[in-house]
């Protein structure tokens, strides 16, 4: 089974969550702050790994060609139906 990359929101949440835990949670509780730091760091590392291990199948390559007018209009998706 070939898994695709994690959504970009996953990385965004991990970065924001890490900074929130460093600057806000550490003031309230050091133990919870360190726990959240580790969780968000693991989330960030997993998003980096999932981006680097994505396979480039022909269908996915077509999606990446956003400079083509037909791809922006979604014609490549309509052909498959």
C-alpha atoms as a PDB file:
ATOM      1  CA  UNK A   1       0.000   0.000   0.000  1.00  0.00           C
ATOM      2  CA  UNK A   2       1.438   3.287  -1.095  1.00  0.00           C
ATOM      3  CA  UNK A   3       0.549   6.185   1.185  1.00  0.00           C
ATOM      4  CA  UNK A   4       0.481   9.723  -0.067  1.00  0.00           C
ATOM      5  CA  UNK A   5       1.826  12.770   1.715  1.00  0.00           C
ATOM      6  CA  UNK A   6       0.076  14.190   4.739  1.00  0.00           C
ATOM      7  CA  UNK A   7      -2.015  17.315   4.164  1.00  0.00           C
ATOM      8  CA  UNK A   8      -0.273  20.666   4.453  1.00  0.00           C
ATOM      9  CA  UNK A   9      -2.479  21.544   7.420  1.00  0.00           C
ATOM     10  CA  UNK A  10      -0.724  18.795   9.368  1.00  0.00           C
ATOM     11  CA  UNK A  11       2.600  20.641   9.116  1.00  0.00           C
ATOM     12  CA  UNK A  12       0.975  23.987   9.847  1.00  0.00           C
ATOM     13  CA  UNK A  13      -0.682  22.658  13.009  1.00  0.00           C
ATOM     14  CA  UNK A  14       2.584  21.096  14.155  1.00  0.00           C
ATOM     15  CA  UNK A  15       4.526  24.359  13.750  1.00  0.00           C
ATOM     16  CA  UNK A  16       1.891  26.546  15.401  1.00  0.00           C
ATOM     17  CA  UNK A  17       1.280  23.984  18.153  1.00  0.00           C
ATOM     18  CA  UNK A  18       4.977  23.751  18.896  1.00  0.00           C
ATOM     19  CA  UNK A  19       5.344  27.503  19.319  1.00  0.00           C
ATOM     20  CA  UNK A  20       2.171  27.764  21.392  1.00  0.00           C
ATOM     21  CA  UNK A  21       3.400  25.017  23.692  1.00  0.00           C
ATOM     22  CA  UNK A  22       6.846  26.615  24.019  1.00  0.00           C
ATOM     23  CA  UNK A  23       5.596  30.128  24.795  1.00  0.00           C
ATOM     24  CA  UNK A  24       2.303  29.486  26.620  1.00  0.00           C
ATOM     25  CA  UNK A  25       2.090  25.955  27.995  1.00  0.00           C
ATOM     26  CA  UNK A  26       5.596  25.958  29.514  1.00  0.00           C
ATOM     27  CA  UNK A  27       4.587  28.878  31.742  1.00  0.00           C
ATOM     28  CA  UNK A  28       1.649  26.896  33.142  1.00  0.00           C
ATOM     29  CA  UNK A  29       3.221  23.440  33.451  1.00  0.00           C
ATOM     30  CA  UNK A  30       6.675  22.301  32.448  1.00  0.00           C
ATOM     31  CA  UNK A  31       5.620  18.645  32.201  1.00  0.00           C
ATOM     32  CA  UNK A  32       2.685  19.331  29.859  1.00  0.00           C
ATOM     33  CA  UNK A  33       4.805  21.782  27.886  1.00  0.00           C
ATOM     34  CA  UNK A  34       7.475  19.164  27.219  1.00  0.00           C
ATOM     35  CA  UNK A  35       4.818  16.601  26.322  1.00  0.00           C
ATOM     36  CA  UNK A  36       3.229  18.914  23.764  1.00  0.00           C
ATOM     37  CA  UNK A  37       6.676  19.852  22.411  1.00  0.00           C
ATOM     38  CA  UNK A  38       7.435  16.188  21.754  1.00  0.00           C
ATOM     39  CA  UNK A  39       4.016  15.521  20.169  1.00  0.00           C
ATOM     40  CA  UNK A  40       4.229  18.492  17.801  1.00  0.00           C
ATOM     41  CA  UNK A  41       7.847  17.708  16.962  1.00  0.00           C
ATOM     42  CA  UNK A  42       6.842  14.148  16.016  1.00  0.00           C
ATOM     43  CA  UNK A  43       4.002  15.572  13.883  1.00  0.00           C
ATOM     44  CA  UNK A  44       6.454  17.873  12.088  1.00  0.00           C
ATOM     45  CA  UNK A  45       8.970  15.093  11.449  1.00  0.00           C
ATOM     46  CA  UNK A  46       6.248  12.782  10.131  1.00  0.00           C
ATOM     47  CA  UNK A  47       5.061  15.442   7.683  1.00  0.00           C
ATOM     48  CA  UNK A  48       8.615  15.931   6.406  1.00  0.00           C
ATOM     49  CA  UNK A  49       9.065  12.172   5.979  1.00  0.00           C
ATOM     50  CA  UNK A  50       5.734  11.772   4.194  1.00  0.00           C
ATOM     51  CA  UNK A  51       6.632  14.537   1.728  1.00  0.00           C
ATOM     52  CA  UNK A  52       9.975  12.975   0.887  1.00  0.00           C
ATOM     53  CA  UNK A  53       8.540   9.472   0.312  1.00  0.00           C
ATOM     54  CA  UNK A  54       5.728  10.395  -2.062  1.00  0.00           C
ATOM     55  CA  UNK A  55       5.656   8.409  -5.272  1.00  0.00           C
ATOM     56  CA  UNK A  56       5.306  10.290  -8.511  1.00  0.00           C
ATOM     57  CA  UNK A  57       2.777   8.353 -10.521  1.00  0.00           C
ATOM     58  CA  UNK A  58       1.591   9.733 -13.880  1.00  0.00           C
ATOM     59  CA  UNK A  59      -1.744  10.778 -12.378  1.00  0.00           C
ATOM     60  CA  UNK A  60       0.000  12.783  -9.685  1.00  0.00           C
ATOM     61  CA  UNK A  61       2.371  14.379 -12.178  1.00  0.00           C
ATOM     62  CA  UNK A  62      -0.611  15.738 -14.076  1.00  0.00           C
ATOM     63  CA  UNK A  63      -1.858  17.372 -10.876  1.00  0.00           C
ATOM     64  CA  UNK A  64       1.505  19.092 -10.404  1.00  0.00           C
ATOM     65  CA  UNK A  65       1.385  20.745 -13.824  1.00  0.00           C
ATOM     66  CA  UNK A  66      -0.620  23.740 -12.605  1.00  0.00           C
ATOM     67  CA  UNK A  67       0.926  25.987 -15.223  1.00  0.00           C
ATOM     68  CA  UNK A  68      -1.189  24.254 -17.898  1.00  0.00           C
ATOM     69  CA  UNK A  69      -4.502  25.918 -18.541  1.00  0.00           C
ATOM     70  CA  UNK A  70      -6.308  22.572 -18.916  1.00  0.00           C
ATOM     71  CA  UNK A  71      -5.087  21.417 -15.492  1.00  0.00           C
ATOM     72  CA  UNK A  72      -6.251  24.631 -13.822  1.00  0.00           C
ATOM     73  CA  UNK A  73      -9.662  24.174 -15.427  1.00  0.00           C
ATOM     74  CA  UNK A  74      -9.862  20.553 -14.225  1.00  0.00           C
ATOM     75  CA  UNK A  75     -10.176  18.908 -17.674  1.00  0.00           C
ATOM     76  CA  UNK A  76      -7.848  16.057 -16.689  1.00  0.00           C
ATOM     77  CA  UNK A  77     -10.267  15.044 -13.933  1.00  0.00           C
ATOM     78  CA  UNK A  78     -13.272  15.078 -16.248  1.00  0.00           C
ATOM     79  CA  UNK A  79     -11.626  12.604 -18.676  1.00  0.00           C
ATOM     80  CA  UNK A  80     -11.404   9.846 -16.065  1.00  0.00           C
ATOM     81  CA  UNK A  81     -15.117   9.751 -15.264  1.00  0.00           C
END
